[in-house]
């Protein structure tokens, strides 16, 4: 199976560019590299019907975030304050960092 490169990390600020929540901005909570999906804070909210249990005595309808495909989001640049494409750049000490393609500003998580 081919492994795709993802330049998104946990705690990154992203903007949704496709789907029912397009235009919204949120923070990445979880990245699943095998399934190419991410979970973003307060984006793609779904309702789960929960039966009462020992942990959840009342049960009822719970609203939680669901995973969405990482191709539907773009990383936000802190300097541009716009969704941008990212390139990898190697520093003098050999460390690789993500860089904004518009303003060449280093993006840190």
N, C-alpha and C. Protein backbone atom coordinates (compact mmCIF):
# COMPACT_ATOMS: atom_id res chain seq x y z
N UNK A 1 0.84 -1.19 0.00
CA UNK A 1 0.00 0.00 0.00
C UNK A 1 0.88 1.25 0.00
N UNK A 2 0.55 2.20 -0.85
CA UNK A 2 1.34 3.42 -0.95
C UNK A 2 1.05 4.34 0.23
N UNK A 3 2.10 4.89 0.81
CA UNK A 3 1.94 5.78 1.95
C UNK A 3 2.03 7.21 1.47
N UNK A 4 0.98 7.98 1.72
CA UNK A 4 0.94 9.36 1.26
C UNK A 4 1.54 10.28 2.32
N UNK A 5 2.15 11.36 1.88
CA UNK A 5 2.76 12.30 2.80
C UNK A 5 1.72 13.30 3.26
N UNK A 6 1.72 13.54 4.55
CA UNK A 6 0.82 14.52 5.14
C UNK A 6 1.65 15.55 5.87
N UNK A 7 1.44 16.80 5.57
CA UNK A 7 2.21 17.85 6.21
C UNK A 7 1.42 18.49 7.34
N UNK A 8 0.37 17.80 7.82
CA UNK A 8 -0.42 18.29 8.94
C UNK A 8 -0.01 17.56 10.21
N UNK A 9 0.00 18.30 11.31
CA UNK A 9 0.35 17.73 12.61
C UNK A 9 -0.71 18.11 13.63
N UNK A 10 -0.66 17.44 14.77
CA UNK A 10 -1.57 17.76 15.86
C UNK A 10 -1.34 19.20 16.31
N UNK A 11 -2.41 19.89 16.67
CA UNK A 11 -2.41 21.30 17.13
C UNK A 11 -2.19 22.31 16.01
N UNK A 12 -2.16 21.88 14.73
CA UNK A 12 -2.08 22.83 13.62
C UNK A 12 -3.43 23.52 13.45
N UNK A 13 -3.39 24.75 12.95
CA UNK A 13 -4.60 25.50 12.64
C UNK A 13 -4.91 25.25 11.16
N UNK A 14 -6.12 24.74 10.86
CA UNK A 14 -6.48 24.43 9.48
C UNK A 14 -7.82 25.06 9.12
N UNK A 15 -8.03 25.24 7.82
CA UNK A 15 -9.29 25.75 7.30
C UNK A 15 -9.90 24.68 6.42
N UNK A 16 -11.21 24.41 6.60
CA UNK A 16 -11.90 23.40 5.79
C UNK A 16 -12.24 24.04 4.45
N UNK A 17 -11.87 23.35 3.35
CA UNK A 17 -12.10 23.91 2.01
C UNK A 17 -13.16 23.16 1.23
N UNK A 18 -13.67 22.04 1.78
CA UNK A 18 -14.70 21.27 1.08
C UNK A 18 -15.59 20.58 2.10
N UNK A 19 -16.86 20.40 1.73
CA UNK A 19 -17.79 19.70 2.60
C UNK A 19 -18.78 20.64 3.27
N UNK A 20 -19.54 20.09 4.20
CA UNK A 20 -20.61 20.85 4.84
C UNK A 20 -20.09 21.96 5.75
N UNK A 21 -18.87 21.83 6.24
CA UNK A 21 -18.29 22.83 7.14
C UNK A 21 -17.26 23.71 6.44
N UNK A 22 -17.34 23.85 5.12
CA UNK A 22 -16.31 24.60 4.39
C UNK A 22 -16.29 26.06 4.85
N UNK A 23 -15.08 26.59 4.99
CA UNK A 23 -14.90 27.96 5.46
C UNK A 23 -14.59 28.06 6.94
N UNK A 24 -14.84 27.00 7.70
CA UNK A 24 -14.59 27.03 9.14
C UNK A 24 -13.11 26.75 9.43
N UNK A 25 -12.64 27.31 10.55
CA UNK A 25 -11.25 27.15 10.97
C UNK A 25 -11.24 26.43 12.31
N UNK A 26 -10.32 25.48 12.45
CA UNK A 26 -10.23 24.73 13.71
C UNK A 26 -8.83 24.18 13.93
N UNK A 27 -8.66 23.55 15.08
CA UNK A 27 -7.36 22.98 15.47
C UNK A 27 -7.40 21.48 15.27
N UNK A 28 -6.32 20.90 14.74
CA UNK A 28 -6.23 19.46 14.50
C UNK A 28 -6.09 18.75 15.85
N UNK A 29 -7.00 17.79 16.11
CA UNK A 29 -6.96 17.02 17.34
C UNK A 29 -6.25 15.70 17.17
N UNK A 30 -6.40 15.08 15.98
CA UNK A 30 -5.85 13.75 15.76
C UNK A 30 -5.57 13.57 14.27
N UNK A 31 -4.48 12.85 13.94
CA UNK A 31 -4.12 12.56 12.54
C UNK A 31 -3.98 11.05 12.40
N UNK A 32 -4.72 10.46 11.45
CA UNK A 32 -4.62 9.03 11.16
C UNK A 32 -3.94 8.90 9.80
N UNK A 33 -2.64 8.59 9.80
CA UNK A 33 -1.87 8.56 8.56
C UNK A 33 -2.20 7.37 7.68
N UNK A 34 -2.61 6.25 8.27
CA UNK A 34 -2.96 5.07 7.46
C UNK A 34 -4.22 5.30 6.66
N UNK A 35 -5.25 5.89 7.28
CA UNK A 35 -6.53 6.11 6.61
C UNK A 35 -6.62 7.48 5.95
N UNK A 36 -5.58 8.31 6.08
CA UNK A 36 -5.52 9.65 5.50
C UNK A 36 -6.67 10.53 5.98
N UNK A 37 -6.92 10.50 7.29
CA UNK A 37 -8.01 11.26 7.85
C UNK A 37 -7.52 12.04 9.08
N UNK A 38 -8.20 13.16 9.35
CA UNK A 38 -7.87 13.95 10.53
C UNK A 38 -9.14 14.31 11.28
N UNK A 39 -8.99 14.65 12.55
CA UNK A 39 -10.09 15.12 13.37
C UNK A 39 -9.79 16.57 13.74
N UNK A 40 -10.76 17.47 13.47
CA UNK A 40 -10.58 18.89 13.72
C UNK A 40 -11.60 19.33 14.77
N UNK A 41 -11.16 20.19 15.66
CA UNK A 41 -11.99 20.67 16.76
C UNK A 41 -13.22 21.42 16.24
N UNK A 42 -14.41 21.01 16.68
CA UNK A 42 -15.71 21.62 16.34
C UNK A 42 -16.03 21.59 14.84
N UNK A 43 -15.47 20.64 14.10
CA UNK A 43 -15.75 20.48 12.68
C UNK A 43 -16.27 19.06 12.46
N UNK A 44 -17.22 18.89 11.53
CA UNK A 44 -17.80 17.59 11.19
C UNK A 44 -18.44 16.94 12.43
N UNK A 45 -19.33 17.70 13.07
CA UNK A 45 -20.01 17.23 14.28
C UNK A 45 -21.09 16.23 13.88
N UNK A 46 -21.08 15.07 14.56
CA UNK A 46 -22.09 14.04 14.32
C UNK A 46 -22.80 13.72 15.63
N UNK A 47 -23.98 13.12 15.52
CA UNK A 47 -24.75 12.75 16.70
C UNK A 47 -24.70 11.24 16.88
N UNK A 48 -24.35 10.80 18.08
CA UNK A 48 -24.30 9.39 18.43
C UNK A 48 -25.38 9.10 19.46
N UNK A 49 -26.17 8.07 19.23
CA UNK A 49 -27.19 7.66 20.19
C UNK A 49 -26.53 6.69 21.16
N UNK A 50 -26.51 7.07 22.44
CA UNK A 50 -25.80 6.31 23.46
C UNK A 50 -26.79 5.64 24.42
N UNK A 51 -26.64 4.36 24.59
CA UNK A 51 -27.46 3.63 25.55
C UNK A 51 -26.87 3.85 26.94
N UNK A 52 -27.70 3.94 27.99
CA UNK A 52 -27.16 4.12 29.35
C UNK A 52 -26.23 2.98 29.73
N UNK A 53 -25.10 3.32 30.38
CA UNK A 53 -24.11 2.32 30.79
C UNK A 53 -23.53 2.74 32.13
N UNK A 54 -22.54 2.01 32.61
CA UNK A 54 -21.91 2.34 33.89
C UNK A 54 -21.19 3.69 33.82
N UNK A 55 -20.51 3.99 32.69
CA UNK A 55 -19.81 5.26 32.55
C UNK A 55 -20.79 6.40 32.29
N UNK A 56 -21.79 6.14 31.44
CA UNK A 56 -22.76 7.16 31.06
C UNK A 56 -24.14 6.72 31.56
N UNK A 57 -24.50 7.16 32.75
CA UNK A 57 -25.74 6.69 33.38
C UNK A 57 -26.99 7.15 32.62
N UNK A 58 -26.97 8.36 32.10
CA UNK A 58 -28.17 8.91 31.48
C UNK A 58 -28.38 8.44 30.04
N UNK A 59 -27.30 8.28 29.28
CA UNK A 59 -27.45 7.93 27.87
C UNK A 59 -27.91 9.13 27.08
N UNK A 60 -28.59 8.90 25.95
CA UNK A 60 -29.11 9.99 25.15
C UNK A 60 -28.30 10.22 23.89
N UNK A 61 -28.44 11.42 23.34
CA UNK A 61 -27.77 11.76 22.08
C UNK A 61 -26.54 12.60 22.39
N UNK A 62 -25.36 12.11 21.99
CA UNK A 62 -24.11 12.82 22.21
C UNK A 62 -23.59 13.39 20.90
N UNK A 63 -23.07 14.61 20.94
CA UNK A 63 -22.49 15.22 19.75
C UNK A 63 -20.97 15.17 19.86
N UNK A 64 -20.31 14.59 18.85
CA UNK A 64 -18.86 14.48 18.84
C UNK A 64 -18.31 14.81 17.45
N UNK A 65 -17.01 15.08 17.41
CA UNK A 65 -16.35 15.33 16.13
C UNK A 65 -16.06 14.00 15.45
N UNK A 66 -16.19 13.97 14.13
CA UNK A 66 -15.86 12.78 13.35
C UNK A 66 -14.65 13.11 12.48
N UNK A 67 -13.97 12.06 12.03
CA UNK A 67 -12.79 12.23 11.17
C UNK A 67 -13.24 12.72 9.79
N UNK A 68 -12.39 13.52 9.14
CA UNK A 68 -12.64 13.90 7.75
C UNK A 68 -11.35 13.74 6.97
N UNK A 69 -11.46 13.65 5.66
CA UNK A 69 -10.30 13.42 4.81
C UNK A 69 -9.39 14.63 4.85
N UNK A 70 -8.07 14.39 4.92
CA UNK A 70 -7.14 15.51 5.05
C UNK A 70 -7.00 16.32 3.77
N UNK A 71 -7.55 15.81 2.65
CA UNK A 71 -7.52 16.60 1.42
C UNK A 71 -8.56 17.71 1.44
N UNK A 72 -9.47 17.68 2.42
CA UNK A 72 -10.52 18.69 2.52
C UNK A 72 -10.12 19.87 3.41
N UNK A 73 -8.89 19.90 3.88
CA UNK A 73 -8.43 21.02 4.72
C UNK A 73 -7.11 21.56 4.20
N UNK A 74 -6.84 22.83 4.54
CA UNK A 74 -5.56 23.46 4.21
C UNK A 74 -4.99 24.09 5.47
N UNK A 75 -3.68 24.03 5.58
CA UNK A 75 -2.98 24.59 6.72
C UNK A 75 -3.02 26.12 6.67
N UNK A 76 -3.21 26.75 7.83
CA UNK A 76 -3.24 28.20 7.91
C UNK A 76 -1.85 28.73 8.27
N UNK A 77 -1.41 29.76 7.55
CA UNK A 77 -0.14 30.42 7.85
C UNK A 77 -0.40 31.50 8.90
N UNK A 78 0.49 31.60 9.89
CA UNK A 78 0.32 32.60 10.95
C UNK A 78 0.59 34.02 10.45
N UNK A 79 1.50 34.16 9.52
CA UNK A 79 1.84 35.49 9.01
C UNK A 79 0.83 35.97 7.96
N UNK A 80 0.52 35.11 6.97
CA UNK A 80 -0.42 35.48 5.90
C UNK A 80 -1.87 35.53 6.41
N UNK A 81 -2.18 34.72 7.41
CA UNK A 81 -3.54 34.49 7.92
C UNK A 81 -4.45 34.02 6.78
N UNK A 82 -3.92 33.14 5.96
CA UNK A 82 -4.65 32.56 4.84
C UNK A 82 -4.32 31.07 4.77
N UNK A 83 -5.22 30.26 4.16
CA UNK A 83 -4.86 28.86 3.94
C UNK A 83 -3.79 28.78 2.84
N UNK A 84 -2.73 28.01 3.09
CA UNK A 84 -1.60 27.98 2.17
C UNK A 84 -1.14 26.55 1.90
N UNK A 85 -0.41 26.39 0.81
CA UNK A 85 0.28 25.14 0.54
C UNK A 85 1.62 25.21 1.26
N UNK A 86 2.18 24.04 1.52
CA UNK A 86 3.38 23.97 2.34
C UNK A 86 4.49 23.27 1.59
N UNK A 87 5.71 23.74 1.78
CA UNK A 87 6.87 23.03 1.26
C UNK A 87 7.82 22.73 2.41
N UNK A 88 8.61 21.69 2.23
CA UNK A 88 9.58 21.31 3.25
C UNK A 88 10.92 21.94 2.89
N UNK A 89 11.61 22.44 3.92
CA UNK A 89 12.90 23.09 3.70
C UNK A 89 13.88 22.57 4.75
N UNK A 90 15.11 22.33 4.35
CA UNK A 90 16.13 21.84 5.27
C UNK A 90 16.95 23.02 5.77
N UNK A 91 17.08 23.13 7.10
CA UNK A 91 17.87 24.20 7.70
C UNK A 91 19.36 23.83 7.67
N UNK A 92 20.21 24.75 8.10
CA UNK A 92 21.66 24.53 8.09
C UNK A 92 22.08 23.36 8.97
N UNK A 93 21.34 23.15 10.09
CA UNK A 93 21.70 22.07 11.01
C UNK A 93 21.12 20.71 10.59
N UNK A 94 20.49 20.65 9.41
CA UNK A 94 19.95 19.39 8.89
C UNK A 94 18.53 19.11 9.29
N UNK A 95 17.90 20.00 10.04
CA UNK A 95 16.52 19.81 10.49
C UNK A 95 15.56 20.25 9.40
N UNK A 96 14.49 19.44 9.15
CA UNK A 96 13.49 19.79 8.15
C UNK A 96 12.36 20.56 8.81
N UNK A 97 11.91 21.63 8.17
CA UNK A 97 10.81 22.44 8.68
C UNK A 97 9.81 22.70 7.56
N UNK A 98 8.57 23.01 7.96
CA UNK A 98 7.52 23.36 6.99
C UNK A 98 7.56 24.87 6.76
N UNK A 99 7.40 25.25 5.48
CA UNK A 99 7.50 26.66 5.11
C UNK A 99 6.30 27.03 4.25
N UNK A 100 5.73 28.21 4.48
CA UNK A 100 4.62 28.74 3.69
C UNK A 100 5.11 29.05 2.28
N UNK A 101 4.35 28.65 1.27
CA UNK A 101 4.75 28.91 -0.11
C UNK A 101 4.52 30.36 -0.52
N UNK A 102 3.62 31.08 0.17
CA UNK A 102 3.33 32.46 -0.20
C UNK A 102 4.36 33.42 0.37
N UNK A 103 4.66 33.30 1.66
CA UNK A 103 5.52 34.30 2.31
C UNK A 103 6.85 33.75 2.80
N UNK A 104 7.11 32.45 2.58
CA UNK A 104 8.33 31.77 3.01
C UNK A 104 8.57 31.86 4.52
N UNK A 105 7.49 31.97 5.29
CA UNK A 105 7.58 32.01 6.74
C UNK A 105 7.55 30.58 7.27
N UNK A 106 8.37 30.29 8.27
CA UNK A 106 8.42 28.95 8.87
C UNK A 106 7.14 28.72 9.68
N UNK A 107 6.54 27.55 9.50
CA UNK A 107 5.30 27.20 10.20
C UNK A 107 5.66 26.22 11.31
N UNK A 108 5.36 26.63 12.55
CA UNK A 108 5.60 25.73 13.66
C UNK A 108 4.27 25.34 14.31
N UNK A 109 4.20 24.11 14.80
CA UNK A 109 2.95 23.59 15.36
C UNK A 109 2.59 24.24 16.67
